[in-house]
Amino acid sequence: MKLHAPFIQLPLRFDAAVLADEIAALDASFWKPHPQGFAGNSMLPLVSVDGNPDDESFAGAMKPTPALLRSPYLSQVFARLGATVGRSRLMKLSGHAEVTRHADQHYYWSERVRVHVPILTQPTVRFECGGAAVNMAAGECWIFDTWRQHRVLNDAVEERIHLVIDTVGGGDFWDLVARGRGHADMRAGWVAEAVAPREGVAEFACETRNIPVVMSPWELNSLFALLFSHALPHPQLKAVHEISGRFARRWQGLWFEFGDDADGYAPFREALASYVAAVSPIGQGIMLNNELQWFGAMMMTIGQFAVRPETR
């Protein structure tokens, strides 16, 4: 999600030692290699589709995995955020490893913020985003702008483990964000609330809707607004903007005719295919100010998700 600052610290502080003890009590078999195969990266699913730790998909009802249901304080961290939770994990970075530089462009993350709670870390671990860099201390709670280029460097011998929660937020969550502080904001009197562990596994809201069957015209226009607002000047930009506008108006007409009923799948698919065919030859060279290609980002947010793939 695009944020107004590279990093924002939320006014919450968790007991990292208790969290570390819960993680140490989990069977080592719960840990899995990183899905992209990054060296030194591994993960432990905590919220996934139907609570299945082997399901890495984005579409479906999200539920706690068995590992989270065995971890009361971890579940209480989720609950304290006051957010509707999506796919979430523990992320481990071994010593002298890194999360390579990238920007998130998948549809799922266009409206989801990524919450980080460091559990095991060292003062030399560096999290970079845009032109900023921070060391997230154990027990702190941070969000960052995933739209910007970012990476993590662990130059220590010891491993680093973060709780990583993807969420669209919620009323209480965005109130926390409003009370947060940017990475360069050291104003006097800012205090993070200490959240102590208590008895029992906590319940919290999880996504039941995440990938649209057919994208509404309002969401389509919102994604186009994001893409075009960050596009760098290019000779073909005006033509791409005009083609995209005509496509959006065609999509709106189909939406008011069919909504997301099955009768409309074929017309929506045809409209999308025609648009991609028209814009592909002239849109490939356009760049975004986060160093992504405009056409690639469009395909990852609109081209692949305007009509849910399984309807095809």
Protein backbone atom coordinates (compact mmCIF):
# COMPACT_ATOMS: atom_id res chain seq x y z
CA MET A 1 0.00 0.00 0.00
CA LYS A 2 1.12 3.54 -0.79
CA LEU A 3 1.66 5.52 2.43
CA HIS A 4 2.53 9.16 3.10
CA ALA A 5 5.86 8.17 4.70
CA PRO A 6 8.35 5.35 4.14
CA PHE A 7 7.99 4.09 7.74
CA ILE A 8 5.39 4.70 10.45
CA GLN A 9 5.79 3.34 13.97
CA LEU A 10 2.49 2.47 15.67
CA PRO A 11 2.00 3.34 19.37
CA LEU A 12 2.16 -0.28 20.55
CA ARG A 13 4.92 -2.25 22.26
CA PHE A 14 4.78 -6.03 22.71
CA ASP A 15 6.78 -8.39 24.93
CA ALA A 16 9.27 -9.81 22.45
CA ALA A 17 10.65 -12.33 24.94
CA VAL A 18 7.23 -13.95 25.43
CA LEU A 19 6.69 -14.02 21.67
CA ALA A 20 10.12 -15.61 21.19
CA ASP A 21 9.31 -18.30 23.74
CA GLU A 22 6.06 -19.15 21.93
CA ILE A 23 7.89 -19.41 18.62
CA ALA A 24 10.61 -21.60 20.13
CA ALA A 25 7.90 -23.97 21.39
CA LEU A 26 6.57 -24.55 17.85
CA ASP A 27 7.78 -27.62 16.00
CA ALA A 28 10.57 -26.90 13.55
CA SER A 29 8.53 -28.64 10.83
CA PHE A 30 6.14 -25.65 10.79
CA TRP A 31 8.82 -23.56 9.06
CA LYS A 32 8.87 -23.54 5.26
CA PRO A 33 11.24 -22.17 2.61
CA HIS A 34 10.37 -18.74 1.28
CA PRO A 35 7.94 -19.16 -1.67
CA GLN A 36 10.30 -17.24 -3.98
CA GLY A 37 13.27 -19.29 -2.86
CA PHE A 38 15.29 -16.36 -1.51
CA ALA A 39 18.48 -17.59 0.13
CA GLY A 40 18.41 -17.36 3.92
CA ASN A 41 14.67 -16.61 4.01
CA SER A 42 12.04 -18.88 5.53
CA MET A 43 8.51 -18.45 6.82
CA LEU A 44 5.91 -19.95 9.14
CA PRO A 45 2.26 -19.39 8.07
CA LEU A 46 -0.02 -18.02 10.81
CA VAL A 47 -3.09 -16.93 8.80
CA SER A 48 -3.90 -18.55 5.47
CA VAL A 49 -6.84 -19.71 3.35
CA ASP A 50 -9.00 -21.96 5.55
CA GLY A 51 -6.14 -22.05 8.06
CA ASN A 52 -4.20 -24.39 5.80
CA PRO A 53 -0.46 -23.65 6.22
CA ASP A 54 0.24 -25.26 2.84
CA ASP A 55 -2.13 -22.93 0.96
CA GLU A 56 -0.24 -19.86 -0.24
CA SER A 57 -3.11 -18.48 -2.35
CA PHE A 58 -4.71 -15.07 -1.87
CA ALA A 59 -8.38 -15.91 -2.59
CA GLY A 60 -10.58 -17.42 0.10
CA ALA A 61 -11.58 -17.14 3.72
CA MET A 62 -8.51 -16.50 5.87
CA LYS A 63 -8.25 -18.34 9.20
CA PRO A 64 -5.59 -18.97 11.87
CA THR A 65 -3.29 -21.92 11.22
CA PRO A 66 -2.64 -24.62 13.86
CA ALA A 67 0.61 -22.87 14.79
CA LEU A 68 -1.20 -19.64 15.67
CA LEU A 69 -3.90 -21.49 17.62
CA ARG A 70 -1.10 -22.84 19.84
CA SER A 71 0.32 -19.37 20.48
CA PRO A 72 -1.88 -17.24 22.77
CA TYR A 73 0.25 -14.08 22.86
CA LEU A 74 0.84 -14.10 19.12
CA SER A 75 -2.92 -14.21 18.63
CA GLN A 76 -3.31 -11.33 21.08
CA VAL A 77 -0.96 -9.22 18.94
CA PHE A 78 -3.28 -9.77 15.98
CA ALA A 79 -6.33 -8.85 18.06
CA ARG A 80 -4.79 -5.67 19.48
CA LEU A 81 -4.32 -4.21 16.01
CA GLY A 82 -8.09 -3.86 15.57
CA ALA A 83 -7.78 -4.88 11.93
CA THR A 84 -9.31 -7.34 9.47
CA VAL A 85 -6.41 -9.71 8.90
CA GLY A 86 -5.23 -11.24 5.63
CA ARG A 87 -2.45 -13.68 4.88
CA SER A 88 0.18 -13.44 7.65
CA ARG A 89 3.41 -15.17 8.64
CA LEU A 90 6.49 -15.28 10.75
CA MET A 91 9.43 -14.33 8.53
CA LYS A 92 12.93 -15.54 9.37
CA LEU A 93 16.09 -14.06 7.91
CA SER A 94 19.26 -15.98 8.72
CA GLY A 95 22.52 -14.28 9.61
CA HIS A 96 24.29 -12.47 6.77
CA ALA A 97 21.19 -12.72 4.54
CA GLU A 98 18.91 -10.16 2.97
CA VAL A 99 15.47 -9.53 1.53
CA THR A 100 16.45 -8.26 -1.90
CA ARG A 101 15.38 -4.85 -3.14
CA HIS A 102 11.88 -4.78 -4.66
CA ALA A 103 8.51 -3.01 -4.65
CA ASP A 104 5.21 -4.85 -4.16
CA GLN A 105 2.99 -4.66 -7.24
CA HIS A 106 0.59 -7.60 -6.81
CA TYR A 107 -3.14 -6.79 -6.63
CA TYR A 108 -3.38 -8.26 -3.13
CA TRP A 109 -1.03 -5.63 -1.71
CA SER A 110 -2.49 -2.62 -3.51
CA GLU A 111 -4.93 -2.04 -0.60
CA ARG A 112 -3.13 -3.90 2.17
CA VAL A 113 -0.60 -2.49 4.57
CA ARG A 114 2.14 -4.73 5.95
CA VAL A 115 2.61 -4.69 9.73
CA HIS A 116 5.98 -5.73 11.18
CA VAL A 117 6.57 -6.72 14.81
CA PRO A 118 10.25 -7.65 15.34
CA ILE A 119 10.67 -10.59 17.71
CA LEU A 120 14.31 -11.63 17.36
CA THR A 121 16.59 -8.95 15.94
CA GLN A 122 19.88 -7.10 16.42
CA PRO A 123 20.77 -3.40 16.37
CA THR A 124 22.63 -3.76 13.06
CA VAL A 125 19.64 -5.14 11.09
CA ARG A 126 18.69 -2.45 8.59
CA PHE A 127 15.30 -2.04 6.90
CA GLU A 128 15.46 0.31 3.91
CA CYS A 129 12.47 1.88 2.14
CA GLY A 130 12.68 4.66 -0.41
CA GLY A 131 15.52 6.85 0.80
CA ALA A 132 15.04 5.99 4.49
CA ALA A 133 16.48 3.28 6.72
CA VAL A 134 15.47 2.16 10.22
CA ASN A 135 16.32 -0.48 12.77
CA MET A 136 13.07 -1.90 14.09
CA ALA A 137 13.69 -2.88 17.71
CA ALA A 138 12.28 -6.04 19.27
CA GLY A 139 8.65 -5.61 20.35
CA GLU A 140 8.01 -2.45 18.33
CA CYS A 141 5.22 -2.25 15.75
CA TRP A 142 5.78 -0.72 12.31
CA ILE A 143 4.14 -0.31 8.92
CA PHE A 144 5.93 0.79 5.75
CA ASP A 145 5.23 1.87 2.20
CA THR A 146 5.38 -1.34 0.16
CA TRP A 147 4.85 0.67 -3.05
CA ARG A 148 8.39 2.07 -2.72
CA GLN A 149 11.52 0.05 -3.36
CA HIS A 150 12.57 -1.66 -0.11
CA ARG A 151 14.96 -4.29 1.24
CA VAL A 152 16.22 -5.76 4.53
CA LEU A 153 19.85 -6.46 5.43
CA ASN A 154 20.87 -8.71 8.31
CA ASP A 155 24.62 -8.34 8.66
CA ALA A 156 24.66 -10.07 12.05
CA VAL A 157 25.43 -13.73 12.72
CA GLU A 158 22.13 -14.30 14.56
CA GLU A 159 18.84 -14.83 12.74
CA ARG A 160 16.09 -12.23 12.56
CA ILE A 161 12.39 -13.14 13.04
CA HIS A 162 9.51 -10.72 12.41
CA LEU A 163 5.78 -11.20 12.73
CA VAL A 164 4.41 -9.92 9.39
CA ILE A 165 0.67 -9.21 9.11
CA ASP A 166 -1.04 -8.15 5.88
CA THR A 167 -4.24 -6.19 6.45
CA VAL A 168 -6.64 -3.72 4.88
CA GLY A 169 -6.94 -2.29 8.38
CA GLY A 170 -10.12 -1.27 10.17
CA GLY A 171 -11.41 1.65 12.20
CA ASP A 172 -9.33 0.96 15.31
CA PHE A 173 -6.25 0.14 13.24
CA TRP A 174 -6.28 3.42 11.32
CA ASP A 175 -6.78 5.26 14.62
CA LEU A 176 -3.51 3.65 15.73
CA VAL A 177 -1.84 4.79 12.52
CA ALA A 178 -3.07 8.35 13.11
CA ARG A 179 -1.37 8.25 16.53
CA GLY A 180 1.82 6.77 15.08
CA ARG A 181 5.01 8.61 14.19
CA GLY A 182 7.16 8.71 11.10
CA HIS A 183 10.66 7.26 11.25
CA ALA A 184 12.20 10.74 11.56
CA ASP A 185 9.66 12.02 14.11
CA MET A 186 11.28 12.11 17.54
CA ARG A 187 8.77 14.47 19.18
CA ALA A 188 8.74 14.63 22.96
CA GLY A 189 5.93 12.89 24.80
CA TRP A 190 5.26 10.18 22.19
CA VAL A 191 4.66 6.92 24.06
CA ALA A 192 3.93 3.41 22.85
CA GLU A 193 1.35 1.44 24.84
CA ALA A 194 2.79 -1.71 26.44
CA VAL A 195 0.56 -4.69 25.56
CA ALA A 196 1.07 -7.38 28.19
CA PRO A 197 0.27 -11.05 27.56
CA ARG A 198 -2.82 -12.56 29.13
CA GLU A 199 -4.48 -15.96 29.29
CA GLY A 200 -6.03 -17.63 26.27
CA VAL A 201 -6.01 -17.47 22.49
CA ALA A 202 -7.61 -14.26 21.22
CA GLU A 203 -10.11 -14.05 18.38
CA PHE A 204 -9.79 -11.44 15.64
CA ALA A 205 -11.43 -10.60 12.33
CA CYS A 206 -10.10 -12.28 9.18
CA GLU A 207 -10.78 -11.65 5.51
CA THR A 208 -13.57 -13.57 3.83
CA ARG A 209 -13.47 -11.38 0.69
CA ASN A 210 -10.15 -10.59 -0.95
CA ILE A 211 -9.97 -11.21 -4.73
CA PRO A 212 -13.00 -9.95 -6.71
CA VAL A 213 -14.85 -12.25 -9.10
CA VAL A 214 -15.25 -9.19 -11.31
CA MET A 215 -13.59 -5.92 -10.33
CA SER A 216 -16.01 -3.05 -9.81
CA PRO A 217 -15.51 0.04 -12.02
CA TRP A 218 -14.75 2.09 -8.91
CA GLU A 219 -11.88 -0.20 -7.92
CA LEU A 220 -10.67 -0.31 -11.52
CA ASN A 221 -10.54 3.50 -11.66
CA SER A 222 -8.80 3.64 -8.29
CA LEU A 223 -6.03 1.34 -9.51
CA PHE A 224 -5.64 3.29 -12.74
CA ALA A 225 -5.40 6.50 -10.69
CA LEU A 226 -2.56 4.97 -8.65
CA LEU A 227 -0.69 3.83 -11.76
CA PHE A 228 -1.04 7.06 -13.71
CA SER A 229 -0.28 9.31 -10.74
CA HIS A 230 3.15 7.67 -10.44
CA ALA A 231 3.94 7.34 -14.15
CA LEU A 232 7.00 9.18 -15.41
CA PRO A 233 6.76 11.35 -18.54
CA HIS A 234 6.79 9.33 -21.76
CA PRO A 235 5.76 10.04 -25.38
CA GLN A 236 3.11 7.29 -25.28
CA LEU A 237 1.68 8.14 -21.87
CA LYS A 238 -1.18 10.27 -23.22
CA ALA A 239 -2.26 7.55 -25.68
CA VAL A 240 -2.13 4.88 -22.97
CA HIS A 241 -4.19 7.11 -20.68
CA GLU A 242 -6.85 7.60 -23.37
CA ILE A 243 -7.06 3.87 -24.20
CA SER A 244 -7.34 3.08 -20.50
CA GLY A 245 -10.12 5.63 -20.06
CA ARG A 246 -12.17 4.12 -22.88
CA PHE A 247 -11.65 0.66 -21.40
CA ALA A 248 -12.78 1.87 -17.96
CA ARG A 249 -15.97 3.33 -19.45
CA ARG A 250 -16.67 0.10 -21.32
CA TRP A 251 -16.13 -1.83 -18.08
CA GLN A 252 -18.56 0.44 -16.25
CA GLY A 253 -21.26 -0.23 -18.84
CA LEU A 254 -20.78 -3.98 -18.51
CA TRP A 255 -20.84 -3.72 -14.72
CA PHE A 256 -24.20 -1.98 -14.69
CA GLU A 257 -25.51 -4.59 -17.11
CA PHE A 258 -24.15 -7.73 -15.40
CA GLY A 259 -22.52 -6.87 -12.09
CA ASP A 260 -20.50 -9.95 -11.17
CA ASP A 261 -23.11 -12.43 -12.47
CA ALA A 262 -21.77 -15.35 -14.48
CA ASP A 263 -23.57 -14.14 -17.64
CA GLY A 264 -21.09 -11.26 -17.78
CA TYR A 265 -17.86 -13.24 -17.47
CA ALA A 266 -17.38 -13.66 -21.22
CA PRO A 267 -18.02 -9.98 -22.11
CA PHE A 268 -15.73 -8.84 -19.29
CA ARG A 269 -13.00 -11.23 -20.42
CA GLU A 270 -13.30 -10.01 -24.01
CA ALA A 271 -13.12 -6.35 -22.92
CA LEU A 272 -10.04 -7.04 -20.80
CA ALA A 273 -8.29 -8.99 -23.55
CA SER A 274 -8.98 -6.22 -26.09
CA TYR A 275 -7.61 -3.60 -23.72
CA VAL A 276 -4.40 -5.55 -22.99
CA ALA A 277 -3.87 -6.15 -26.71
CA ALA A 278 -4.30 -2.43 -27.45
CA VAL A 279 -2.11 -1.07 -24.69
CA SER A 280 0.69 -3.66 -24.74
CA PRO A 281 2.52 -2.41 -27.87
CA ILE A 282 2.70 1.19 -26.66
CA GLY A 283 2.81 0.86 -22.88
CA GLN A 284 5.89 -1.30 -22.38
CA GLY A 285 8.41 1.54 -22.10
CA ILE A 286 6.55 3.64 -19.53
CA MET A 287 8.14 3.61 -16.07
CA LEU A 288 6.78 4.42 -12.62
CA ASN A 289 8.62 6.53 -10.07
CA ASN A 290 9.17 3.42 -7.92
CA GLU A 291 11.26 1.90 -10.74
CA LEU A 292 8.57 -0.57 -11.85
CA GLN A 293 7.35 -0.79 -15.42
CA TRP A 294 3.88 0.69 -15.85
CA PHE A 295 2.63 -2.17 -18.04
CA GLY A 296 3.92 -4.87 -15.70
CA ALA A 297 2.36 -3.19 -12.67
CA MET A 298 -0.92 -2.79 -14.57
CA MET A 299 -0.96 -6.50 -15.43
CA MET A 300 -0.23 -7.47 -11.80
CA THR A 301 -3.04 -5.30 -10.43
CA ILE A 302 -5.65 -5.12 -13.21
CA GLY A 303 -4.76 -7.44 -16.09
CA GLN A 304 -4.64 -10.59 -13.95
CA PHE A 305 -7.39 -9.71 -11.48
CA ALA A 306 -10.11 -7.64 -13.15
CA VAL A 307 -11.83 -10.97 -13.81
CA ARG A 308 -10.88 -13.71 -11.36
CA PRO A 309 -8.69 -16.25 -13.19
CA GLU A 310 -10.82 -19.30 -12.38
CA THR A 311 -13.78 -17.81 -14.27
CA ARG A 312 -11.72 -18.27 -17.43
